[in-house]
Amino acid sequence: MLKRSVAIASATVAIATAAGLAGPAALAHTSGAPAAAPAVTAAAAPGFLTGRDLPKHPTSPWSTGKVTKGLPEFLPFCLDRTLPSTGAWHRVFGTEYDTGAEQISVRAASSPAAAKLASALEKKVAACAADWLRKTPGGTASWNDYGKLRVEEGAHVYGVHTAVPDSEHGVHLFGIGRDGATVTVVSWHQMGDLGTAPVSAFKKTTVTAVNKLNP
């Protein structure tokens, strides 16, 4: 396990990848006959986690939102300006307390495009603690690379901890995985630090998320 810790920052610097995804369908015509009206069918959503698949909360059941086309109103921490809206679906989870989670899945135009998106997401999360510090003078942050998981085309789990003076600590876990041309990101978060995060359970959640993408 690779561990990085980023020290207290003292300067403000703004930070700022995107992936192009596509997918129009072609229409066939029969020679010598009027063209039939094409059948219009919405692309099926990828398979998604349920609340039962997430790490158990000690005092609250998970509430499970609907699988919804597009990106959520509020993107997960660290992942702004990286996830495309084209081909995206999401589901939001919550508890009665401070713990929450999101899953966002994207059907890319091809397996190479999906691999490129997954790589961009991994780089974004790996740089998140340092990027956050550059925007947050006086803050502290750290991150862990919890390693790769053997499932379909692979998955990777990371953790990020942030804190500001005289305020709460926040911890986030990210699972990024791919099955063919579909990429998924699972984000889990609550107050606390990396020592309190349910890493082993979250790794199982990430494997389940990837396995459910294309049932």
N, C-alpha and C. Protein backbone atom coordinates (compact mmCIF):
# COMPACT_ATOMS: atom_id res chain seq x y z
N MET A 1 0.84 -1.19 0.00
CA MET A 1 0.00 0.00 0.00
C MET A 1 0.87 1.24 0.00
N LEU A 2 0.57 2.13 -0.94
CA LEU A 2 1.30 3.38 -1.05
C LEU A 2 0.57 4.43 -0.26
N LYS A 3 1.29 5.17 0.58
CA LYS A 3 0.65 6.21 1.38
C LYS A 3 1.33 7.53 1.13
N ARG A 4 0.52 8.56 0.94
CA ARG A 4 1.04 9.89 0.77
C ARG A 4 0.43 10.77 1.84
N SER A 5 1.20 11.65 2.44
CA SER A 5 0.66 12.67 3.34
C SER A 5 1.12 14.02 2.84
N VAL A 6 0.21 14.96 2.77
CA VAL A 6 0.52 16.28 2.26
C VAL A 6 0.48 17.26 3.41
N ALA A 7 1.52 18.06 3.58
CA ALA A 7 1.63 18.94 4.74
C ALA A 7 0.76 20.17 4.59
N ILE A 8 0.76 21.04 5.63
CA ILE A 8 -0.07 22.23 5.68
C ILE A 8 0.31 23.18 4.56
N ALA A 9 -0.70 23.70 3.89
CA ALA A 9 -0.45 24.62 2.79
C ALA A 9 -0.62 26.05 3.25
N SER A 10 0.07 26.98 2.55
CA SER A 10 -0.02 28.37 2.96
C SER A 10 -0.33 29.31 1.81
N ALA A 11 -0.54 28.76 0.60
CA ALA A 11 -0.80 29.65 -0.53
C ALA A 11 -2.08 29.24 -1.21
N THR A 12 -2.71 30.17 -1.87
CA THR A 12 -3.92 29.88 -2.64
C THR A 12 -3.58 29.78 -4.12
N VAL A 13 -3.94 28.67 -4.69
CA VAL A 13 -3.72 28.52 -6.12
C VAL A 13 -4.96 27.85 -6.67
N ALA A 14 -5.46 28.33 -7.77
CA ALA A 14 -6.63 27.71 -8.36
C ALA A 14 -6.20 26.48 -9.14
N ILE A 15 -7.02 25.50 -9.23
CA ILE A 15 -6.72 24.32 -10.02
C ILE A 15 -7.79 24.11 -11.08
N ALA A 16 -7.43 23.41 -11.97
CA ALA A 16 -8.52 23.04 -12.81
C ALA A 16 -8.42 21.55 -13.08
N THR A 17 -10.30 17.38 -16.83
CA THR A 17 -9.97 16.70 -17.97
C THR A 17 -11.30 16.30 -18.42
N ALA A 18 -11.41 16.16 -19.29
CA ALA A 18 -12.73 15.76 -19.71
C ALA A 18 -12.60 14.62 -20.66
N ALA A 19 -13.62 13.82 -20.85
CA ALA A 19 -13.56 12.72 -21.80
C ALA A 19 -14.75 12.84 -22.74
N GLY A 20 -14.50 12.58 -24.02
CA GLY A 20 -15.60 12.67 -24.98
C GLY A 20 -16.24 11.31 -25.18
N LEU A 21 -17.53 11.27 -25.05
CA LEU A 21 -18.26 10.03 -25.18
C LEU A 21 -19.35 10.24 -26.23
N ALA A 22 -19.75 9.16 -26.87
CA ALA A 22 -20.69 9.33 -27.95
C ALA A 22 -21.65 8.17 -28.05
N GLY A 23 -22.39 8.10 -29.20
CA GLY A 23 -23.19 6.93 -29.43
C GLY A 23 -24.45 7.07 -30.25
N PRO A 24 -24.55 7.78 -31.38
CA PRO A 24 -25.77 7.80 -32.19
C PRO A 24 -25.96 6.48 -32.92
N ALA A 25 -27.20 6.05 -33.13
CA ALA A 25 -27.48 4.79 -33.81
C ALA A 25 -27.69 5.02 -35.29
N ALA A 26 -27.32 4.04 -36.11
CA ALA A 26 -27.49 4.15 -37.56
C ALA A 26 -28.85 3.58 -37.96
N LEU A 27 -29.44 4.09 -39.04
CA LEU A 27 -30.74 3.64 -39.52
C LEU A 27 -30.55 2.87 -40.82
N ALA A 28 -31.25 1.74 -40.96
CA ALA A 28 -31.16 0.92 -42.17
C ALA A 28 -32.39 1.15 -43.03
N HIS A 29 -32.23 1.13 -44.36
CA HIS A 29 -33.33 1.32 -45.30
C HIS A 29 -33.39 0.12 -46.24
N THR A 30 -34.59 -0.31 -46.57
CA THR A 30 -34.78 -1.43 -47.48
C THR A 30 -34.89 -0.90 -48.91
N SER A 31 -34.07 -1.43 -49.80
CA SER A 31 -34.04 -0.96 -51.19
C SER A 31 -35.39 -1.18 -51.85
N GLY A 32 -35.90 -0.12 -52.51
CA GLY A 32 -37.13 -0.24 -53.28
C GLY A 32 -38.39 -0.12 -52.47
N ALA A 33 -38.30 0.13 -51.16
CA ALA A 33 -39.48 0.24 -50.32
C ALA A 33 -39.35 1.47 -49.46
N PRO A 34 -40.49 2.04 -49.04
CA PRO A 34 -40.41 3.20 -48.16
C PRO A 34 -39.67 2.86 -46.87
N ALA A 35 -38.94 3.83 -46.40
CA ALA A 35 -38.19 3.60 -45.16
C ALA A 35 -39.15 3.48 -43.99
N ALA A 36 -38.99 2.42 -43.22
CA ALA A 36 -39.83 2.24 -42.03
C ALA A 36 -39.37 3.18 -40.94
N ALA A 37 -40.29 3.59 -40.10
CA ALA A 37 -39.93 4.47 -38.97
C ALA A 37 -39.02 3.71 -38.03
N PRO A 38 -37.91 4.31 -37.64
CA PRO A 38 -36.97 3.60 -36.77
C PRO A 38 -37.56 3.39 -35.38
N ALA A 39 -37.20 2.28 -34.78
CA ALA A 39 -37.61 2.02 -33.41
C ALA A 39 -36.74 2.85 -32.49
N VAL A 40 -37.35 3.62 -31.62
CA VAL A 40 -36.60 4.47 -30.70
C VAL A 40 -36.58 3.82 -29.33
N THR A 41 -35.41 3.45 -28.89
CA THR A 41 -35.27 2.82 -27.59
C THR A 41 -34.18 3.52 -26.81
N ALA A 42 -34.44 3.82 -25.54
CA ALA A 42 -33.43 4.46 -24.70
C ALA A 42 -32.38 3.43 -24.30
N ALA A 43 -31.15 3.86 -24.31
CA ALA A 43 -30.08 2.96 -23.90
C ALA A 43 -30.31 2.53 -22.46
N ALA A 44 -30.18 1.25 -22.22
CA ALA A 44 -30.41 0.74 -20.87
C ALA A 44 -29.33 1.23 -19.93
N ALA A 45 -29.73 1.53 -18.70
CA ALA A 45 -28.76 1.97 -17.71
C ALA A 45 -27.88 0.80 -17.29
N PRO A 46 -26.64 1.07 -16.90
CA PRO A 46 -25.81 0.01 -16.34
C PRO A 46 -26.44 -0.50 -15.04
N GLY A 47 -25.99 -1.66 -14.59
CA GLY A 47 -26.43 -2.15 -13.30
C GLY A 47 -25.83 -1.32 -12.17
N PHE A 48 -26.60 -1.11 -11.09
CA PHE A 48 -26.15 -0.27 -9.99
C PHE A 48 -26.19 -1.00 -8.66
N LEU A 49 -25.41 -0.47 -7.72
CA LEU A 49 -25.44 -0.94 -6.35
C LEU A 49 -26.80 -0.65 -5.72
N THR A 50 -27.10 -1.38 -4.64
CA THR A 50 -28.20 -1.03 -3.76
C THR A 50 -27.60 -0.68 -2.40
N GLY A 51 -28.41 -0.18 -1.49
CA GLY A 51 -27.92 0.15 -0.17
C GLY A 51 -27.32 -1.04 0.55
N ARG A 52 -27.80 -2.23 0.25
CA ARG A 52 -27.28 -3.45 0.90
C ARG A 52 -25.84 -3.74 0.50
N ASP A 53 -25.40 -3.17 -0.63
CA ASP A 53 -24.05 -3.43 -1.12
C ASP A 53 -23.00 -2.50 -0.49
N LEU A 54 -23.45 -1.44 0.18
CA LEU A 54 -22.53 -0.47 0.76
C LEU A 54 -22.04 -0.92 2.13
N PRO A 55 -20.91 -0.38 2.60
CA PRO A 55 -20.45 -0.69 3.96
C PRO A 55 -21.56 -0.36 4.97
N LYS A 56 -21.81 -1.25 5.89
CA LYS A 56 -22.89 -1.05 6.84
C LYS A 56 -22.61 0.14 7.76
N HIS A 57 -23.63 0.96 7.95
CA HIS A 57 -23.54 2.04 8.92
C HIS A 57 -23.93 1.48 10.28
N PRO A 58 -23.21 1.84 11.36
CA PRO A 58 -23.49 1.21 12.66
C PRO A 58 -24.87 1.51 13.24
N THR A 59 -25.48 2.64 12.86
CA THR A 59 -26.74 3.02 13.50
C THR A 59 -27.86 3.40 12.54
N SER A 60 -27.62 3.37 11.24
CA SER A 60 -28.64 3.82 10.30
C SER A 60 -28.65 2.97 9.05
N PRO A 61 -29.84 2.60 8.56
CA PRO A 61 -29.89 1.93 7.25
C PRO A 61 -29.60 2.93 6.14
N TRP A 62 -29.19 2.42 4.99
CA TRP A 62 -28.96 3.27 3.83
C TRP A 62 -30.28 3.54 3.11
N SER A 63 -30.52 4.77 2.74
CA SER A 63 -31.61 5.08 1.81
C SER A 63 -31.03 5.05 0.40
N THR A 64 -31.83 4.59 -0.56
CA THR A 64 -31.34 4.39 -1.92
C THR A 64 -32.17 5.21 -2.90
N GLY A 65 -31.53 6.13 -3.60
CA GLY A 65 -32.23 6.93 -4.60
C GLY A 65 -32.45 6.15 -5.88
N LYS A 66 -33.19 6.76 -6.79
CA LYS A 66 -33.47 6.13 -8.08
C LYS A 66 -32.23 6.21 -8.99
N VAL A 67 -32.11 5.22 -9.87
CA VAL A 67 -31.10 5.31 -10.93
C VAL A 67 -31.58 6.36 -11.92
N THR A 68 -30.78 7.39 -12.12
CA THR A 68 -31.21 8.57 -12.89
C THR A 68 -30.18 8.87 -13.97
N LYS A 69 -30.68 9.21 -15.16
CA LYS A 69 -29.78 9.53 -16.27
C LYS A 69 -29.10 10.86 -16.03
N GLY A 70 -27.82 10.95 -16.43
CA GLY A 70 -27.06 12.18 -16.27
C GLY A 70 -26.24 12.17 -14.99
N LEU A 71 -25.61 13.30 -14.70
CA LEU A 71 -24.80 13.45 -13.50
C LEU A 71 -25.65 13.98 -12.35
N PRO A 72 -25.28 13.68 -11.11
CA PRO A 72 -26.03 14.23 -9.98
C PRO A 72 -25.85 15.75 -9.89
N GLU A 73 -26.77 16.39 -9.18
CA GLU A 73 -26.69 17.84 -9.02
C GLU A 73 -25.39 18.25 -8.35
N PHE A 74 -24.98 17.47 -7.37
CA PHE A 74 -23.74 17.75 -6.67
C PHE A 74 -22.76 16.62 -6.94
N LEU A 75 -21.68 16.92 -7.66
CA LEU A 75 -20.69 15.91 -7.98
C LEU A 75 -19.89 15.52 -6.75
N PRO A 76 -19.39 14.28 -6.70
CA PRO A 76 -18.57 13.88 -5.56
C PRO A 76 -17.33 14.76 -5.40
N PHE A 77 -16.91 14.93 -4.18
CA PHE A 77 -15.67 15.64 -3.87
C PHE A 77 -14.54 15.07 -4.73
N CYS A 78 -13.69 15.92 -5.23
CA CYS A 78 -12.52 15.58 -6.06
C CYS A 78 -12.83 15.39 -7.54
N LEU A 79 -14.09 15.19 -7.92
CA LEU A 79 -14.37 14.74 -9.28
C LEU A 79 -15.07 15.79 -10.14
N ASP A 80 -14.98 17.06 -9.77
CA ASP A 80 -15.55 18.10 -10.62
C ASP A 80 -14.76 18.20 -11.93
N ARG A 81 -15.45 18.50 -13.01
CA ARG A 81 -14.87 18.73 -14.33
C ARG A 81 -14.09 17.53 -14.88
N THR A 82 -14.42 16.35 -14.43
CA THR A 82 -13.75 15.15 -14.96
C THR A 82 -14.76 14.17 -15.54
N LEU A 83 -15.94 14.09 -14.95
CA LEU A 83 -16.97 13.15 -15.41
C LEU A 83 -17.81 13.79 -16.52
N PRO A 84 -17.97 13.11 -17.65
CA PRO A 84 -18.82 13.64 -18.72
C PRO A 84 -20.29 13.38 -18.42
N SER A 85 -21.16 14.24 -18.90
CA SER A 85 -22.60 14.00 -18.72
C SER A 85 -23.15 13.05 -19.77
N THR A 86 -22.53 13.02 -20.95
CA THR A 86 -22.98 12.12 -22.01
C THR A 86 -22.74 10.67 -21.61
N GLY A 87 -23.76 9.86 -21.67
CA GLY A 87 -23.64 8.44 -21.32
C GLY A 87 -23.62 8.16 -19.84
N ALA A 88 -23.90 9.18 -19.02
CA ALA A 88 -23.79 9.01 -17.56
C ALA A 88 -25.14 8.66 -16.93
N TRP A 89 -25.06 7.88 -15.85
CA TRP A 89 -26.19 7.56 -14.98
C TRP A 89 -25.69 7.65 -13.55
N HIS A 90 -26.59 7.90 -12.62
CA HIS A 90 -26.14 7.99 -11.22
C HIS A 90 -27.21 7.50 -10.25
N ARG A 91 -26.76 7.21 -9.05
CA ARG A 91 -27.65 6.87 -7.92
C ARG A 91 -27.02 7.44 -6.66
N VAL A 92 -27.83 8.06 -5.82
CA VAL A 92 -27.35 8.69 -4.59
C VAL A 92 -27.90 7.92 -3.40
N PHE A 93 -27.05 7.74 -2.38
CA PHE A 93 -27.40 7.01 -1.17
C PHE A 93 -27.22 7.93 0.04
N GLY A 94 -27.98 7.68 1.10
CA GLY A 94 -27.84 8.50 2.29
C GLY A 94 -28.14 7.72 3.55
N THR A 95 -27.79 8.30 4.69
CA THR A 95 -28.13 7.75 6.00
C THR A 95 -28.76 8.86 6.83
N GLU A 96 -29.19 8.54 8.03
CA GLU A 96 -29.77 9.54 8.91
C GLU A 96 -28.70 10.44 9.53
N TYR A 97 -27.46 10.13 9.30
CA TYR A 97 -26.38 10.88 9.91
C TYR A 97 -25.51 11.53 8.83
N ASP A 98 -24.21 11.63 9.06
CA ASP A 98 -23.35 12.38 8.15
C ASP A 98 -22.77 11.52 7.04
N THR A 99 -23.09 10.25 6.98
CA THR A 99 -22.50 9.35 5.99
C THR A 99 -23.35 9.33 4.72
N GLY A 100 -22.70 9.45 3.58
CA GLY A 100 -23.39 9.41 2.29
C GLY A 100 -22.55 8.71 1.24
N ALA A 101 -23.13 8.48 0.09
CA ALA A 101 -22.42 7.80 -1.00
C ALA A 101 -23.11 8.12 -2.32
N GLU A 102 -22.35 7.99 -3.39
CA GLU A 102 -22.87 8.14 -4.74
C GLU A 102 -22.22 7.10 -5.63
N GLN A 103 -22.95 6.65 -6.65
CA GLN A 103 -22.36 5.87 -7.72
C GLN A 103 -22.69 6.55 -9.04
N ILE A 104 -21.68 6.78 -9.84
CA ILE A 104 -21.86 7.34 -11.18
C ILE A 104 -21.23 6.39 -12.18
N SER A 105 -21.99 6.02 -13.19
CA SER A 105 -21.48 5.12 -14.23
C SER A 105 -21.64 5.77 -15.59
N VAL A 106 -20.65 5.57 -16.46
CA VAL A 106 -20.64 6.19 -17.77
C VAL A 106 -20.40 5.13 -18.83
N ARG A 107 -21.31 5.08 -19.82
CA ARG A 107 -21.10 4.22 -20.99
C ARG A 107 -20.34 5.04 -22.03
N ALA A 108 -19.10 4.68 -22.26
CA ALA A 108 -18.26 5.41 -23.22
C ALA A 108 -18.49 4.88 -24.63
N ALA A 109 -17.88 5.56 -25.60
CA ALA A 109 -18.06 5.18 -27.00
C ALA A 109 -17.35 3.87 -27.34
N SER A 110 -16.32 3.52 -26.56
CA SER A 110 -15.54 2.33 -26.84
C SER A 110 -14.76 1.94 -25.59
N SER A 111 -14.21 0.75 -25.60
CA SER A 111 -13.36 0.33 -24.48
C SER A 111 -12.14 1.23 -24.31
N PRO A 112 -11.44 1.62 -25.42
CA PRO A 112 -10.32 2.55 -25.24
C PRO A 112 -10.74 3.89 -24.63
N ALA A 113 -11.91 4.41 -25.04
CA ALA A 113 -12.40 5.66 -24.45
C ALA A 113 -12.70 5.49 -22.98
N ALA A 114 -13.24 4.34 -22.61
CA ALA A 114 -13.53 4.07 -21.20
C ALA A 114 -12.24 3.95 -20.40
N ALA A 115 -11.24 3.29 -20.97
CA ALA A 115 -9.95 3.16 -20.28
C ALA A 115 -9.34 4.53 -20.05
N LYS A 116 -9.47 5.42 -21.04
CA LYS A 116 -8.93 6.78 -20.91
C LYS A 116 -9.67 7.53 -19.80
N LEU A 117 -10.98 7.40 -19.73
CA LEU A 117 -11.75 8.06 -18.69
C LEU A 117 -11.38 7.53 -17.31
N ALA A 118 -11.28 6.21 -17.17
CA ALA A 118 -10.92 5.63 -15.87
C ALA A 118 -9.56 6.13 -15.41
N SER A 119 -8.61 6.22 -16.35
CA SER A 119 -7.28 6.72 -16.00
C SER A 119 -7.34 8.17 -15.54
N ALA A 120 -8.14 9.00 -16.24
CA ALA A 120 -8.28 10.40 -15.86
C ALA A 120 -8.88 10.54 -14.46
N LEU A 121 -9.86 9.69 -14.14
CA LEU A 121 -10.49 9.74 -12.82
C LEU A 121 -9.51 9.34 -11.73
N GLU A 122 -8.70 8.32 -12.00
CA GLU A 122 -7.71 7.89 -11.01
C GLU A 122 -6.69 9.00 -10.75
N LYS A 123 -6.24 9.64 -11.81
CA LYS A 123 -5.26 10.73 -11.64
C LYS A 123 -5.87 11.89 -10.85
N LYS A 124 -7.14 12.18 -11.11
CA LYS A 124 -7.83 13.27 -10.43
C LYS A 124 -7.92 12.99 -8.93
N VAL A 125 -8.28 11.77 -8.56
CA VAL A 125 -8.40 11.43 -7.15
C VAL A 125 -7.03 11.39 -6.47
N ALA A 126 -6.03 10.86 -7.17
CA ALA A 126 -4.68 10.79 -6.59
C ALA A 126 -4.11 12.17 -6.32
N ALA A 127 -4.52 13.15 -7.12
CA ALA A 127 -4.02 14.52 -6.94
C ALA A 127 -4.92 15.36 -6.06
N CYS A 128 -6.03 14.80 -5.59
CA CYS A 128 -7.06 15.58 -4.93
C CYS A 128 -6.57 16.27 -3.66
N ALA A 129 -5.86 15.55 -2.80
CA ALA A 129 -5.42 16.14 -1.53
C ALA A 129 -4.53 17.35 -1.77
N ALA A 130 -3.56 17.21 -2.67
CA ALA A 130 -2.66 18.32 -2.97
C ALA A 130 -3.41 19.48 -3.62
N ASP A 131 -4.33 19.18 -4.53
CA ASP A 131 -5.11 20.23 -5.17
C ASP A 131 -5.97 20.98 -4.14
N TRP A 132 -6.57 20.25 -3.22
CA TRP A 132 -7.42 20.87 -2.20
C TRP A 132 -6.59 21.78 -1.29
N LEU A 133 -5.39 21.35 -0.94
CA LEU A 133 -4.53 22.16 -0.08
C LEU A 133 -4.14 23.47 -0.74
N ARG A 134 -3.89 23.43 -2.04
CA ARG A 134 -3.50 24.66 -2.74
C ARG A 134 -4.62 25.68 -2.73
N LYS A 135 -5.86 25.23 -2.55
CA LYS A 135 -6.99 26.14 -2.49
C LYS A 135 -7.42 26.46 -1.06
N THR A 136 -6.79 25.80 -0.08
CA THR A 136 -7.27 25.91 1.30
C THR A 136 -6.10 26.22 2.24
N PRO A 137 -5.68 27.46 2.30
CA PRO A 137 -4.57 27.81 3.20
C PRO A 137 -4.90 27.44 4.65
N GLY A 138 -3.93 26.85 5.33
CA GLY A 138 -4.13 26.44 6.71
C GLY A 138 -4.76 25.08 6.86
N GLY A 139 -5.22 24.49 5.77
CA GLY A 139 -5.82 23.17 5.84
C GLY A 139 -4.78 22.06 5.90
N THR A 140 -5.23 20.87 6.24
CA THR A 140 -4.37 19.69 6.18
C THR A 140 -5.10 18.61 5.38
N ALA A 141 -4.35 17.78 4.71
CA ALA A 141 -4.96 16.72 3.91
C ALA A 141 -3.98 15.57 3.76
N SER A 142 -4.52 14.39 3.55
CA SER A 142 -3.69 13.21 3.29
C SER A 142 -4.47 12.27 2.38
N TRP A 143 -3.76 11.33 1.78
CA TRP A 143 -4.45 10.36 0.94
C TRP A 143 -3.74 9.02 0.97
N ASN A 144 -4.48 7.98 0.71
CA ASN A 144 -3.95 6.62 0.61
C ASN A 144 -4.35 6.00 -0.72
N ASP A 145 -3.43 5.29 -1.31
CA ASP A 145 -3.73 4.42 -2.45
C ASP A 145 -3.92 3.03 -1.86
N TYR A 146 -5.15 2.55 -1.84
CA TYR A 146 -5.44 1.24 -1.25
C TYR A 146 -5.28 0.09 -2.24
N GLY A 147 -4.85 0.41 -3.44
CA GLY A 147 -4.47 -0.64 -4.37
C GLY A 147 -5.53 -1.01 -5.39
N LYS A 148 -5.10 -1.87 -6.31
CA LYS A 148 -5.96 -2.33 -7.39
C LYS A 148 -6.73 -3.58 -6.98
N LEU A 149 -7.89 -3.77 -7.62
CA LEU A 149 -8.74 -4.93 -7.36
C LEU A 149 -8.90 -5.73 -8.64
N ARG A 150 -8.90 -7.04 -8.52
CA ARG A 150 -9.03 -7.91 -9.69
C ARG A 150 -10.50 -8.17 -9.95
N VAL A 151 -11.06 -7.40 -10.88
CA VAL A 151 -12.45 -7.57 -11.29
C VAL A 151 -12.60 -7.00 -12.69
N GLU A 152 -13.15 -7.77 -13.62
CA GLU A 152 -13.33 -7.35 -15.01
C GLU A 152 -12.05 -6.68 -15.55
N GLU A 153 -12.16 -5.44 -16.06
CA GLU A 153 -10.96 -4.76 -16.57
C GLU A 153 -10.18 -4.05 -15.47
N GLY A 154 -10.56 -4.26 -14.23
CA GLY A 154 -9.81 -3.72 -13.11
C GLY A 154 -10.55 -2.63 -12.37
N ALA A 155 -10.14 -2.42 -11.12
CA ALA A 155 -10.67 -1.34 -10.28
C ALA A 155 -9.57 -0.88 -9.35
N HIS A 156 -9.76 0.30 -8.76
CA HIS A 156 -8.74 0.91 -7.91
C HIS A 156 -9.45 1.66 -6.80
N VAL A 157 -8.93 1.56 -5.57
CA VAL A 157 -9.56 2.21 -4.42
C VAL A 157 -8.58 3.21 -3.80
N TYR A 158 -9.09 4.39 -3.49
CA TYR A 158 -8.31 5.46 -2.87
C TYR A 158 -9.07 6.02 -1.67
N GLY A 159 -8.34 6.68 -0.78
CA GLY A 159 -8.95 7.42 0.31
C GLY A 159 -8.35 8.80 0.41
N VAL A 160 -9.18 9.79 0.76
CA VAL A 160 -8.73 11.18 0.91
C VAL A 160 -9.29 11.73 2.21
N HIS A 161 -8.42 12.36 3.00
CA HIS A 161 -8.84 13.02 4.25
C HIS A 161 -8.51 14.50 4.17
N THR A 162 -9.45 15.35 4.60
CA THR A 162 -9.22 16.80 4.62
C THR A 162 -9.69 17.37 5.95
N ALA A 163 -9.08 18.47 6.35
CA ALA A 163 -9.49 19.16 7.58
C ALA A 163 -9.09 20.61 7.49
N VAL A 164 -9.91 21.46 8.07
CA VAL A 164 -9.58 22.88 8.19
C VAL A 164 -9.57 23.24 9.67
N PRO A 165 -8.80 24.27 10.08
CA PRO A 165 -8.72 24.63 11.49
C PRO A 165 -10.09 24.94 12.08
N ASP A 166 -10.32 24.46 13.31
CA ASP A 166 -11.55 24.74 14.05
C ASP A 166 -12.80 24.25 13.33
N SER A 167 -12.66 23.17 12.59
CA SER A 167 -13.82 22.61 11.90
C SER A 167 -13.69 21.09 11.83
N GLU A 168 -14.71 20.44 11.27
CA GLU A 168 -14.72 18.98 11.25
C GLU A 168 -13.73 18.42 10.24
N HIS A 169 -13.37 17.15 10.43
CA HIS A 169 -12.55 16.40 9.49
C HIS A 169 -13.49 15.64 8.56
N GLY A 170 -13.08 15.48 7.32
CA GLY A 170 -13.87 14.72 6.37
C GLY A 170 -13.04 13.63 5.72
N VAL A 171 -13.63 12.46 5.52
CA VAL A 171 -12.93 11.35 4.88
C VAL A 171 -13.77 10.84 3.72
N HIS A 172 -13.10 10.54 2.61
CA HIS A 172 -13.75 10.08 1.40
C HIS A 172 -13.05 8.83 0.88
N LEU A 173 -13.82 7.85 0.47
CA LEU A 173 -13.29 6.68 -0.23
C LEU A 173 -13.81 6.68 -1.66
N PHE A 174 -12.95 6.29 -2.59
CA PHE A 174 -13.31 6.26 -4.01
C PHE A 174 -12.98 4.90 -4.59
N GLY A 175 -13.92 4.29 -5.28
CA GLY A 175 -13.68 3.08 -6.04
C GLY A 175 -13.94 3.36 -7.50
N ILE A 176 -12.93 3.17 -8.34
CA ILE A 176 -13.02 3.45 -9.77
C ILE A 176 -12.77 2.15 -10.52
N GLY A 177 -13.71 1.73 -11.36
CA GLY A 177 -13.55 0.46 -12.06
C GLY A 177 -14.15 0.49 -13.44
N ARG A 178 -13.86 -0.55 -14.22
CA ARG A 178 -14.31 -0.60 -15.62
C ARG A 178 -14.65 -2.01 -16.02
N ASP A 179 -15.74 -2.13 -16.80
CA ASP A 179 -16.10 -3.37 -17.46
C ASP A 179 -16.35 -3.03 -18.92
N GLY A 180 -15.43 -3.36 -19.80
CA GLY A 180 -15.56 -3.03 -21.21
C GLY A 180 -15.60 -1.53 -21.42
N ALA A 181 -16.68 -1.05 -22.04
CA ALA A 181 -16.81 0.38 -22.34
C ALA A 181 -17.56 1.14 -21.25
N THR A 182 -17.78 0.53 -20.10
CA THR A 182 -18.50 1.18 -19.01
C THR A 182 -17.58 1.40 -17.81
N VAL A 183 -17.56 2.64 -17.34
CA VAL A 183 -16.75 3.03 -16.17
C VAL A 183 -17.69 3.37 -15.03
N THR A 184 -17.31 2.99 -13.82
CA THR A 184 -18.10 3.38 -12.66
C THR A 184 -17.21 3.97 -11.58
N VAL A 185 -17.78 4.93 -10.83
CA VAL A 185 -17.11 5.52 -9.68
C VAL A 185 -18.07 5.42 -8.50
N VAL A 186 -17.58 4.86 -7.41
CA VAL A 186 -18.35 4.85 -6.16
C VAL A 186 -17.63 5.76 -5.17
N SER A 187 -18.36 6.70 -4.61
CA SER A 187 -17.80 7.63 -3.63
C SER A 187 -18.54 7.47 -2.31
N TRP A 188 -17.80 7.27 -1.23
CA TRP A 188 -18.37 7.15 0.14
C TRP A 188 -17.72 8.22 1.00
N HIS A 189 -18.48 8.85 1.90
CA HIS A 189 -17.90 9.95 2.68
C HIS A 189 -18.62 10.11 4.02
N GLN A 190 -17.87 10.59 5.01
CA GLN A 190 -18.44 10.93 6.31
C GLN A 190 -17.44 11.79 7.08
N MET A 191 -17.84 12.28 8.24
CA MET A 191 -16.90 12.98 9.12
C MET A 191 -15.94 11.95 9.70
N GLY A 192 -14.66 12.34 9.82
CA GLY A 192 -13.67 11.42 10.36
C GLY A 192 -12.37 11.50 9.59
N ASP A 193 -11.54 10.49 9.78
CA ASP A 193 -10.26 10.44 9.08
C ASP A 193 -10.08 9.06 8.46
N LEU A 194 -8.93 8.85 7.83
CA LEU A 194 -8.71 7.59 7.13
C LEU A 194 -8.70 6.40 8.07
N GLY A 195 -8.33 6.63 9.34
CA GLY A 195 -8.32 5.53 10.30
C GLY A 195 -9.70 5.00 10.63
N THR A 196 -10.74 5.81 10.38
CA THR A 196 -12.11 5.38 10.69
C THR A 196 -12.85 4.86 9.46
N ALA A 197 -12.22 4.92 8.29
CA ALA A 197 -12.90 4.53 7.05
C ALA A 197 -12.98 3.00 6.91
N PRO A 198 -14.11 2.45 6.46
CA PRO A 198 -14.30 1.00 6.31
C PRO A 198 -13.69 0.49 5.00
N VAL A 199 -12.38 0.49 4.92
CA VAL A 199 -11.70 0.21 3.65
C VAL A 199 -12.00 -1.20 3.13
N SER A 200 -11.90 -2.20 3.98
CA SER A 200 -12.13 -3.59 3.53
C SER A 200 -13.53 -3.77 2.97
N ALA A 201 -14.52 -3.24 3.69
CA ALA A 201 -15.91 -3.35 3.22
C ALA A 201 -16.11 -2.57 1.92
N PHE A 202 -15.44 -1.42 1.81
CA PHE A 202 -15.59 -0.61 0.61
C PHE A 202 -14.96 -1.29 -0.60
N LYS A 203 -13.88 -2.02 -0.40
CA LYS A 203 -13.29 -2.77 -1.51
C LYS A 203 -14.30 -3.79 -2.05
N LYS A 204 -15.03 -4.45 -1.16
CA LYS A 204 -16.06 -5.41 -1.59
C LYS A 204 -17.17 -4.68 -2.34
N THR A 205 -17.53 -3.50 -1.86
CA THR A 205 -18.54 -2.69 -2.55
C THR A 205 -18.09 -2.36 -3.97
N THR A 206 -16.82 -1.99 -4.13
CA THR A 206 -16.29 -1.63 -5.44
C THR A 206 -16.32 -2.82 -6.40
N VAL A 207 -15.91 -3.98 -5.92
CA VAL A 207 -15.96 -5.19 -6.75
C VAL A 207 -17.40 -5.49 -7.17
N THR A 208 -18.33 -5.37 -6.24
CA THR A 208 -19.75 -5.60 -6.56
C THR A 208 -20.24 -4.60 -7.59
N ALA A 209 -19.85 -3.34 -7.47
CA ALA A 209 -20.27 -2.30 -8.41
C ALA A 209 -19.83 -2.64 -9.83
N VAL A 210 -18.57 -3.06 -9.99
CA VAL A 210 -18.07 -3.39 -11.32
C VAL A 210 -18.76 -4.64 -11.87
N ASN A 211 -18.95 -5.64 -11.02
CA ASN A 211 -19.60 -6.87 -11.46
C ASN A 211 -21.05 -6.64 -11.89
N LYS A 212 -21.69 -5.62 -11.36
CA LYS A 212 -23.08 -5.34 -11.69
C LYS A 212 -23.25 -4.48 -12.95
N LEU A 213 -22.18 -3.93 -13.47
CA LEU A 213 -22.31 -2.97 -14.58
C LEU A 213 -23.00 -3.55 -15.79
N ASN A 214 -22.59 -4.72 -16.21
CA ASN A 214 -23.12 -5.34 -17.42
C ASN A 214 -23.60 -6.75 -17.11
N PRO A 215 -24.74 -6.88 -16.42
CA PRO A 215 -25.20 -8.21 -16.01
C PRO A 215 -25.59 -9.08 -17.20
